[in-house]
Amino acid sequence: MANNDQNNIVSLDIMMMEFQRAYLFQRKFIRAYANAPKAKYDITFDEYLIMHDIAMATTDMASSDLAERHQVSKPAMTRLLKGLVAKQLIIETEGTDKRQKIWQLTPKGQEVDRAVTADERVNVKTWQDRVGTRRIQEFFSFLDEFQDAISDTHGYFPVEGGSITKSKEQHTDD
């Protein structure tokens, strides 16, 4: 959905500066906002998301499944999981394949997940009251649309800890 409006009043330089400002400040704000309520449980938002995925899973959650879901490398996920084990929030069990690690919440992990999830629901209700459901849905829809529109801008879309993937055109030439 490219906008080819000839009457654009915002220059490319201003858009570039706004992107840089958003990257520097909104990203940090969102990270701090997301992590703040979890600090009392000594976990980060990313750790909570992993724990919550394990808690909500209807099938066994292996390290590779979690890495793929969170778009991080397997070594990065291993570091996160080791941290949760050290905090006694998750335990490793054996899957049907003895080489595969399966993760479960400990009783302490279940308690923390329930408490943080309850806190998250309060946060989302506050957003809803202050901003409105429609605007929140539009915001998330726009983020998805924006990501889809620009993901191949540079011919690759790197994922944290992952490899740089070539664009579709480059794959066909190899």
C-alpha atoms as a PDB file:
ATOM      1  CA  MET A   1       0.000   0.000   0.000  1.00  0.00           C
ATOM      2  CA  ALA A   2       2.526   2.590  -1.105  1.00  0.00           C
ATOM      3  CA  ASN A   3       1.385   6.172  -0.814  1.00  0.00           C
ATOM      4  CA  ASN A   4       2.429   8.108  -3.928  1.00  0.00           C
ATOM      5  CA  ASP A   5       0.784  11.344  -2.785  1.00  0.00           C
ATOM      6  CA  GLN A   6       2.358  14.231  -4.744  1.00  0.00           C
ATOM      7  CA  ASN A   7       1.424  16.672  -1.988  1.00  0.00           C
ATOM      8  CA  ASN A   8       3.606  15.140   0.734  1.00  0.00           C
ATOM      9  CA  ILE A   9       4.685  17.914   3.061  1.00  0.00           C
ATOM     10  CA  VAL A  10       7.176  15.837   5.054  1.00  0.00           C
ATOM     11  CA  SER A  11      10.619  15.540   3.505  1.00  0.00           C
ATOM     12  CA  LEU A  12      12.580  12.303   3.398  1.00  0.00           C
ATOM     13  CA  ASP A  13      15.140  13.873   5.745  1.00  0.00           C
ATOM     14  CA  ILE A  14      12.454  14.610   8.331  1.00  0.00           C
ATOM     15  CA  MET A  15      11.079  11.066   8.037  1.00  0.00           C
ATOM     16  CA  MET A  16      14.600   9.676   8.468  1.00  0.00           C
ATOM     17  CA  MET A  17      15.158  11.825  11.573  1.00  0.00           C
ATOM     18  CA  GLU A  18      11.779  10.775  12.987  1.00  0.00           C
ATOM     19  CA  PHE A  19      12.656   7.106  12.456  1.00  0.00           C
ATOM     20  CA  GLN A  20      15.974   7.626  14.241  1.00  0.00           C
ATOM     21  CA  ARG A  21      14.250   9.458  17.102  1.00  0.00           C
ATOM     22  CA  ALA A  22      11.640   6.722  17.389  1.00  0.00           C
ATOM     23  CA  TYR A  23      14.354   4.067  17.383  1.00  0.00           C
ATOM     24  CA  LEU A  24      16.325   5.835  20.088  1.00  0.00           C
ATOM     25  CA  PHE A  25      13.511   6.878  22.368  1.00  0.00           C
ATOM     26  CA  GLN A  26      10.265   4.943  21.811  1.00  0.00           C
ATOM     27  CA  ARG A  27      12.107   1.622  21.649  1.00  0.00           C
ATOM     28  CA  LYS A  28      13.812   2.412  24.952  1.00  0.00           C
ATOM     29  CA  PHE A  29      10.526   3.619  26.452  1.00  0.00           C
ATOM     30  CA  ILE A  30       8.725   0.435  25.405  1.00  0.00           C
ATOM     31  CA  ARG A  31      11.549  -1.762  26.741  1.00  0.00           C
ATOM     32  CA  ALA A  32      11.630   0.099  30.078  1.00  0.00           C
ATOM     33  CA  TYR A  33       7.819   0.099  30.293  1.00  0.00           C
ATOM     34  CA  ALA A  34       7.641  -3.622  29.546  1.00  0.00           C
ATOM     35  CA  ASN A  35      10.430  -4.551  31.969  1.00  0.00           C
ATOM     36  CA  ALA A  36       9.445  -2.346  34.931  1.00  0.00           C
ATOM     37  CA  PRO A  37       6.631  -4.503  36.381  1.00  0.00           C
ATOM     38  CA  LYS A  38       8.755  -7.643  36.037  1.00  0.00           C
ATOM     39  CA  ALA A  39      11.634  -6.202  38.086  1.00  0.00           C
ATOM     40  CA  LYS A  40       9.949  -7.149  41.357  1.00  0.00           C
ATOM     41  CA  TYR A  41      10.169 -10.776  40.186  1.00  0.00           C
ATOM     42  CA  ASP A  42      13.776 -10.367  38.963  1.00  0.00           C
ATOM     43  CA  ILE A  43      12.897 -11.214  35.360  1.00  0.00           C
ATOM     44  CA  THR A  44      12.916  -9.314  32.083  1.00  0.00           C
ATOM     45  CA  PHE A  45       9.995  -9.007  29.718  1.00  0.00           C
ATOM     46  CA  ASP A  46      11.695 -11.461  27.347  1.00  0.00           C
ATOM     47  CA  GLU A  47      12.057 -13.982  30.168  1.00  0.00           C
ATOM     48  CA  TYR A  48       8.391 -13.516  31.065  1.00  0.00           C
ATOM     49  CA  LEU A  49       7.374 -14.119  27.444  1.00  0.00           C
ATOM     50  CA  ILE A  50       9.351 -17.362  27.389  1.00  0.00           C
ATOM     51  CA  MET A  51       7.845 -18.488  30.691  1.00  0.00           C
ATOM     52  CA  HIS A  52       4.365 -17.581  29.517  1.00  0.00           C
ATOM     53  CA  ASP A  53       4.852 -19.503  26.264  1.00  0.00           C
ATOM     54  CA  ILE A  54       5.873 -22.556  28.288  1.00  0.00           C
ATOM     55  CA  ALA A  55       2.886 -22.094  30.607  1.00  0.00           C
ATOM     56  CA  MET A  56       0.392 -21.737  27.755  1.00  0.00           C
ATOM     57  CA  ALA A  57       1.809 -24.475  25.516  1.00  0.00           C
ATOM     58  CA  THR A  58      -0.476 -27.346  24.679  1.00  0.00           C
ATOM     59  CA  THR A  59       2.497 -29.456  23.588  1.00  0.00           C
ATOM     60  CA  ASP A  60       6.073 -29.818  24.837  1.00  0.00           C
ATOM     61  CA  MET A  61       8.219 -26.715  24.344  1.00  0.00           C
ATOM     62  CA  ALA A  62      11.726 -27.478  23.121  1.00  0.00           C
ATOM     63  CA  SER A  63      14.554 -24.945  23.027  1.00  0.00           C
ATOM     64  CA  SER A  64      14.416 -24.821  19.238  1.00  0.00           C
ATOM     65  CA  ASP A  65      10.661 -24.117  19.293  1.00  0.00           C
ATOM     66  CA  LEU A  66      11.182 -21.238  21.704  1.00  0.00           C
ATOM     67  CA  ALA A  67      14.102 -19.824  19.679  1.00  0.00           C
ATOM     68  CA  GLU A  68      12.022 -19.850  16.506  1.00  0.00           C
ATOM     69  CA  ARG A  69       8.990 -18.321  18.193  1.00  0.00           C
ATOM     70  CA  HIS A  70      11.053 -15.524  19.746  1.00  0.00           C
ATOM     71  CA  GLN A  71      13.143 -14.988  16.608  1.00  0.00           C
ATOM     72  CA  VAL A  72      16.481 -15.430  18.345  1.00  0.00           C
ATOM     73  CA  SER A  73      19.328 -17.810  17.685  1.00  0.00           C
ATOM     74  CA  LYS A  74      19.465 -21.117  19.516  1.00  0.00           C
ATOM     75  CA  PRO A  75      22.555 -20.004  21.513  1.00  0.00           C
ATOM     76  CA  ALA A  76      20.729 -16.806  22.565  1.00  0.00           C
ATOM     77  CA  MET A  77      17.720 -18.840  23.668  1.00  0.00           C
ATOM     78  CA  THR A  78      19.984 -21.226  25.561  1.00  0.00           C
ATOM     79  CA  ARG A  79      21.417 -18.264  27.520  1.00  0.00           C
ATOM     80  CA  LEU A  80      17.904 -17.028  28.360  1.00  0.00           C
ATOM     81  CA  LEU A  81      16.786 -20.501  29.445  1.00  0.00           C
ATOM     82  CA  LYS A  82      19.893 -21.006  31.609  1.00  0.00           C
ATOM     83  CA  GLY A  83      19.063 -17.740  33.357  1.00  0.00           C
ATOM     84  CA  LEU A  84      15.523 -18.938  34.083  1.00  0.00           C
ATOM     85  CA  VAL A  85      16.890 -22.264  35.376  1.00  0.00           C
ATOM     86  CA  ALA A  86      19.311 -20.386  37.652  1.00  0.00           C
ATOM     87  CA  LYS A  87      16.365 -18.384  39.022  1.00  0.00           C
ATOM     88  CA  GLN A  88      14.554 -21.698  39.620  1.00  0.00           C
ATOM     89  CA  LEU A  89      11.642 -20.676  37.379  1.00  0.00           C
ATOM     90  CA  ILE A  90      11.913 -23.485  34.813  1.00  0.00           C
ATOM     91  CA  ILE A  91      13.294 -27.010  34.727  1.00  0.00           C
ATOM     92  CA  GLU A  92      14.602 -29.141  31.923  1.00  0.00           C
ATOM     93  CA  THR A  93      12.989 -32.489  31.251  1.00  0.00           C
ATOM     94  CA  GLU A  94      13.647 -35.113  28.623  1.00  0.00           C
ATOM     95  CA  GLY A  95      11.446 -35.378  25.584  1.00  0.00           C
ATOM     96  CA  THR A  96      10.713 -38.545  23.682  1.00  0.00           C
ATOM     97  CA  ASP A  97      14.006 -37.859  21.896  1.00  0.00           C
ATOM     98  CA  LYS A  98      16.583 -37.924  24.708  1.00  0.00           C
ATOM     99  CA  ARG A  99      18.680 -35.313  22.870  1.00  0.00           C
ATOM    100  CA  GLN A 100      15.873 -32.774  22.964  1.00  0.00           C
ATOM    101  CA  LYS A 101      15.426 -30.551  26.014  1.00  0.00           C
ATOM    102  CA  ILE A 102      11.826 -29.900  27.030  1.00  0.00           C
ATOM    103  CA  TRP A 103      11.027 -27.040  29.388  1.00  0.00           C
ATOM    104  CA  GLN A 104       8.466 -26.800  32.162  1.00  0.00           C
ATOM    105  CA  LEU A 105       7.719 -24.162  34.769  1.00  0.00           C
ATOM    106  CA  THR A 106       8.601 -24.914  38.378  1.00  0.00           C
ATOM    107  CA  PRO A 107       5.957 -24.185  41.025  1.00  0.00           C
ATOM    108  CA  LYS A 108       7.780 -20.871  41.635  1.00  0.00           C
ATOM    109  CA  GLY A 109       7.736 -20.223  37.874  1.00  0.00           C
ATOM    110  CA  GLN A 110       3.999 -20.918  37.734  1.00  0.00           C
ATOM    111  CA  GLU A 111       3.419 -18.452  40.566  1.00  0.00           C
ATOM    112  CA  VAL A 112       5.525 -15.752  38.888  1.00  0.00           C
ATOM    113  CA  ASP A 113       3.822 -16.337  35.521  1.00  0.00           C
ATOM    114  CA  ARG A 114       0.357 -15.985  37.092  1.00  0.00           C
ATOM    115  CA  ALA A 115       1.334 -12.800  38.952  1.00  0.00           C
ATOM    116  CA  VAL A 116       3.011 -11.137  35.956  1.00  0.00           C
ATOM    117  CA  THR A 117       0.132 -12.124  33.662  1.00  0.00           C
ATOM    118  CA  ALA A 118      -2.301 -10.509  36.101  1.00  0.00           C
ATOM    119  CA  ASP A 119      -0.117  -7.353  36.112  1.00  0.00           C
ATOM    120  CA  GLU A 120      -0.048  -7.392  32.300  1.00  0.00           C
ATOM    121  CA  ARG A 121      -3.844  -7.558  32.148  1.00  0.00           C
ATOM    122  CA  VAL A 122      -4.026  -4.466  34.393  1.00  0.00           C
ATOM    123  CA  ASN A 123      -1.576  -2.679  32.061  1.00  0.00           C
ATOM    124  CA  VAL A 124      -3.563  -3.571  28.948  1.00  0.00           C
ATOM    125  CA  LYS A 125      -6.784  -2.426  30.626  1.00  0.00           C
ATOM    126  CA  THR A 126      -5.091   0.905  31.401  1.00  0.00           C
ATOM    127  CA  TRP A 127      -4.057   1.259  27.745  1.00  0.00           C
ATOM    128  CA  GLN A 128      -7.585   0.443  26.671  1.00  0.00           C
ATOM    129  CA  ASP A 129      -9.050   3.044  29.042  1.00  0.00           C
ATOM    130  CA  ARG A 130      -6.575   5.761  28.033  1.00  0.00           C
ATOM    131  CA  VAL A 131      -6.203   5.150  24.301  1.00  0.00           C
ATOM    132  CA  GLY A 132      -9.150   2.988  23.262  1.00  0.00           C
ATOM    133  CA  THR A 133      -9.367  -0.491  21.798  1.00  0.00           C
ATOM    134  CA  ARG A 134      -9.768   0.683  18.212  1.00  0.00           C
ATOM    135  CA  ARG A 135      -6.625   2.869  18.279  1.00  0.00           C
ATOM    136  CA  ILE A 136      -4.588   0.115  19.916  1.00  0.00           C
ATOM    137  CA  GLN A 137      -5.718  -2.384  17.259  1.00  0.00           C
ATOM    138  CA  GLU A 138      -4.957   0.141  14.507  1.00  0.00           C
ATOM    139  CA  PHE A 139      -1.495   0.741  15.982  1.00  0.00           C
ATOM    140  CA  PHE A 140      -0.627  -2.959  16.016  1.00  0.00           C
ATOM    141  CA  SER A 141      -2.104  -3.432  12.534  1.00  0.00           C
ATOM    142  CA  PHE A 142       0.003  -0.529  11.288  1.00  0.00           C
ATOM    143  CA  LEU A 143       3.156  -2.022  12.840  1.00  0.00           C
ATOM    144  CA  ASP A 144       2.458  -5.328  11.050  1.00  0.00           C
ATOM    145  CA  GLU A 145       1.773  -3.529   7.768  1.00  0.00           C
ATOM    146  CA  PHE A 146       4.895  -1.380   8.143  1.00  0.00           C
ATOM    147  CA  GLN A 147       7.083  -4.402   8.885  1.00  0.00           C
ATOM    148  CA  ASP A 148       5.702  -6.260   5.851  1.00  0.00           C
ATOM    149  CA  ALA A 149       6.249  -3.205   3.640  1.00  0.00           C
ATOM    150  CA  ILE A 150       9.862  -2.539   4.654  1.00  0.00           C
ATOM    151  CA  SER A 151      11.207  -5.957   5.629  1.00  0.00           C
ATOM    152  CA  ASP A 152      13.017  -6.386   2.324  1.00  0.00           C
ATOM    153  CA  THR A 153      14.224  -2.785   1.986  1.00  0.00           C
ATOM    154  CA  HIS A 154      17.892  -3.790   2.194  1.00  0.00           C
ATOM    155  CA  GLY A 155      17.562  -7.185   0.569  1.00  0.00           C
ATOM    156  CA  TYR A 156      17.698  -8.931   3.921  1.00  0.00           C
ATOM    157  CA  PHE A 157      15.880  -9.068   7.208  1.00  0.00           C
ATOM    158  CA  PRO A 158      18.305  -9.919  10.008  1.00  0.00           C
ATOM    159  CA  VAL A 159      17.029 -11.588  13.139  1.00  0.00           C
ATOM    160  CA  GLU A 160      18.851 -11.090  16.435  1.00  0.00           C
ATOM    161  CA  GLY A 161      21.594 -13.639  16.642  1.00  0.00           C
ATOM    162  CA  GLY A 162      20.556 -15.157  13.343  1.00  0.00           C
ATOM    163  CA  SER A 163      21.994 -14.999   9.892  1.00  0.00           C
ATOM    164  CA  ILE A 164      21.193 -12.441   7.267  1.00  0.00           C
ATOM    165  CA  THR A 165      18.811 -13.870   4.727  1.00  0.00           C
ATOM    166  CA  LYS A 166      18.992 -12.893   1.085  1.00  0.00           C
ATOM    167  CA  SER A 167      16.055 -11.470  -0.784  1.00  0.00           C
ATOM    168  CA  LYS A 168      13.964 -13.755  -2.997  1.00  0.00           C
ATOM    169  CA  GLU A 169      15.601 -12.391  -6.158  1.00  0.00           C
ATOM    170  CA  GLN A 170      19.083 -13.162  -4.823  1.00  0.00           C
ATOM    171  CA  HIS A 171      18.095 -16.729  -3.893  1.00  0.00           C
ATOM    172  CA  THR A 172      17.060 -17.547  -7.447  1.00  0.00           C
ATOM    173  CA  ASP A 173      20.428 -16.393  -8.834  1.00  0.00           C
ATOM    174  CA  ASP A 174      22.539 -18.624  -6.575  1.00  0.00           C
END
